[in-house]
């Protein structure tokens, strides 16, 4: 079953591979997914689904590099589904804001 997506909002945020955050409506399901991340590196683009921070005894858990660890709250079944969803998200964002995440801010 193919679904159509609508970008409800996009916030540009550059940090490493991160290009911004989007909120997407999956129209046929009447479902809104917040905080999908858009990434880019060396011409490769992908999206990240929202997650929740891992806690140990109520304290955020940091990995060996000092970065906060996250647990997925939404998972897509296969690589093909993830790729199709990522492509649909990027298309929806670019339909709303053609310039979204395309360049870093000027210093």
Protein backbone atom coordinates (compact mmCIF):
# COMPACT_ATOMS: atom_id res chain seq x y z
CA UNK A 1 0.00 0.00 0.00
CA UNK A 2 1.41 3.37 -0.99
CA UNK A 3 0.85 6.38 1.24
CA UNK A 4 1.22 10.07 0.52
CA UNK A 5 3.17 12.29 2.88
CA UNK A 6 2.80 15.98 3.61
CA UNK A 7 5.48 18.09 5.27
CA UNK A 8 3.85 20.12 8.05
CA UNK A 9 7.04 21.86 9.18
CA UNK A 10 10.79 21.91 8.69
CA UNK A 11 13.44 23.44 10.92
CA UNK A 12 16.94 23.83 9.49
CA UNK A 13 19.65 22.70 11.90
CA UNK A 14 23.21 21.99 10.77
CA UNK A 15 25.38 19.75 12.93
CA UNK A 16 27.60 17.07 11.43
CA UNK A 17 25.41 15.20 8.95
CA UNK A 18 22.19 16.75 10.30
CA UNK A 19 20.39 19.16 7.98
CA UNK A 20 17.17 19.66 9.95
CA UNK A 21 14.04 18.32 11.61
CA UNK A 22 10.67 17.79 9.98
CA UNK A 23 7.12 16.92 10.99
CA UNK A 24 5.37 14.69 8.46
CA UNK A 25 1.70 13.73 8.05
CA UNK A 26 1.03 10.26 6.63
CA UNK A 27 -2.22 11.33 5.00
CA UNK A 28 -4.07 8.02 4.61
CA UNK A 29 -3.36 7.03 8.22
CA UNK A 30 -4.06 10.52 9.61
CA UNK A 31 -0.80 10.03 11.50
CA UNK A 32 1.70 12.78 12.32
CA UNK A 33 5.34 11.89 12.98
CA UNK A 34 7.38 14.62 14.71
CA UNK A 35 11.16 15.09 14.83
CA UNK A 36 12.21 13.13 11.76
CA UNK A 37 15.83 14.10 11.10
CA UNK A 38 17.23 14.74 7.63
CA UNK A 39 20.91 13.95 7.08
CA UNK A 40 23.46 14.34 4.29
CA UNK A 41 27.09 13.29 3.84
CA UNK A 42 29.19 12.94 0.69
CA UNK A 43 26.10 13.18 -1.53
CA UNK A 44 24.26 10.47 0.40
CA UNK A 45 20.96 11.45 2.06
CA UNK A 46 18.87 9.67 4.66
CA UNK A 47 16.27 10.29 7.35
CA UNK A 48 16.24 9.27 10.98
CA UNK A 49 13.09 8.32 12.83
CA UNK A 50 12.42 9.82 16.25
CA UNK A 51 13.78 8.07 19.33
CA UNK A 52 13.81 8.53 23.07
CA UNK A 53 16.92 9.04 25.15
CA UNK A 54 18.13 6.04 27.14
CA UNK A 55 18.17 6.52 30.89
CA UNK A 56 20.04 4.61 33.59
CA UNK A 57 18.57 5.25 37.03
CA UNK A 58 16.93 8.38 35.65
CA UNK A 59 20.20 9.77 34.27
CA UNK A 60 20.80 10.11 30.50
CA UNK A 61 23.09 7.30 29.29
CA UNK A 62 26.14 8.38 27.31
CA UNK A 63 28.12 5.99 25.12
CA UNK A 64 31.91 5.65 25.18
CA UNK A 65 32.27 8.79 22.98
CA UNK A 66 30.16 10.85 25.37
CA UNK A 67 27.14 11.00 23.06
CA UNK A 68 23.60 10.45 24.31
CA UNK A 69 22.19 7.02 23.39
CA UNK A 70 18.69 6.74 21.92
CA UNK A 71 16.16 3.90 21.67
CA UNK A 72 13.98 3.73 18.55
CA UNK A 73 10.24 4.22 19.04
CA UNK A 74 9.28 3.64 15.40
CA UNK A 75 10.90 1.03 13.19
CA UNK A 76 10.48 0.27 9.50
CA UNK A 77 10.58 -3.38 8.50
CA UNK A 78 13.22 -3.51 5.78
CA UNK A 79 15.90 -1.52 3.99
CA UNK A 80 13.61 -1.13 0.96
CA UNK A 81 10.81 0.30 3.12
CA UNK A 82 13.26 2.62 4.93
CA UNK A 83 14.65 3.86 1.61
CA UNK A 84 11.17 4.44 0.16
CA UNK A 85 10.04 6.27 3.30
CA UNK A 86 13.18 8.42 3.32
CA UNK A 87 12.69 9.33 -0.32
CA UNK A 88 9.03 10.22 0.30
CA UNK A 89 9.97 12.37 3.32
CA UNK A 90 12.62 14.27 1.36
CA UNK A 91 10.17 14.79 -1.53
CA UNK A 92 7.50 16.12 0.85
CA UNK A 93 9.98 18.50 2.52
CA UNK A 94 11.27 19.79 -0.83
CA UNK A 95 7.71 20.33 -2.11
CA UNK A 96 7.04 22.60 0.87
CA UNK A 97 10.48 24.26 1.03
CA UNK A 98 12.67 23.70 -2.05
CA UNK A 99 15.70 25.19 -0.30
CA UNK A 100 15.32 23.07 2.87
CA UNK A 101 18.63 21.90 4.27
CA UNK A 102 20.46 22.45 1.02
CA UNK A 103 23.28 24.61 2.29
CA UNK A 104 25.01 25.52 5.49
CA UNK A 105 24.46 28.93 7.01
CA UNK A 106 26.99 31.60 6.17
CA UNK A 107 29.35 32.35 9.10
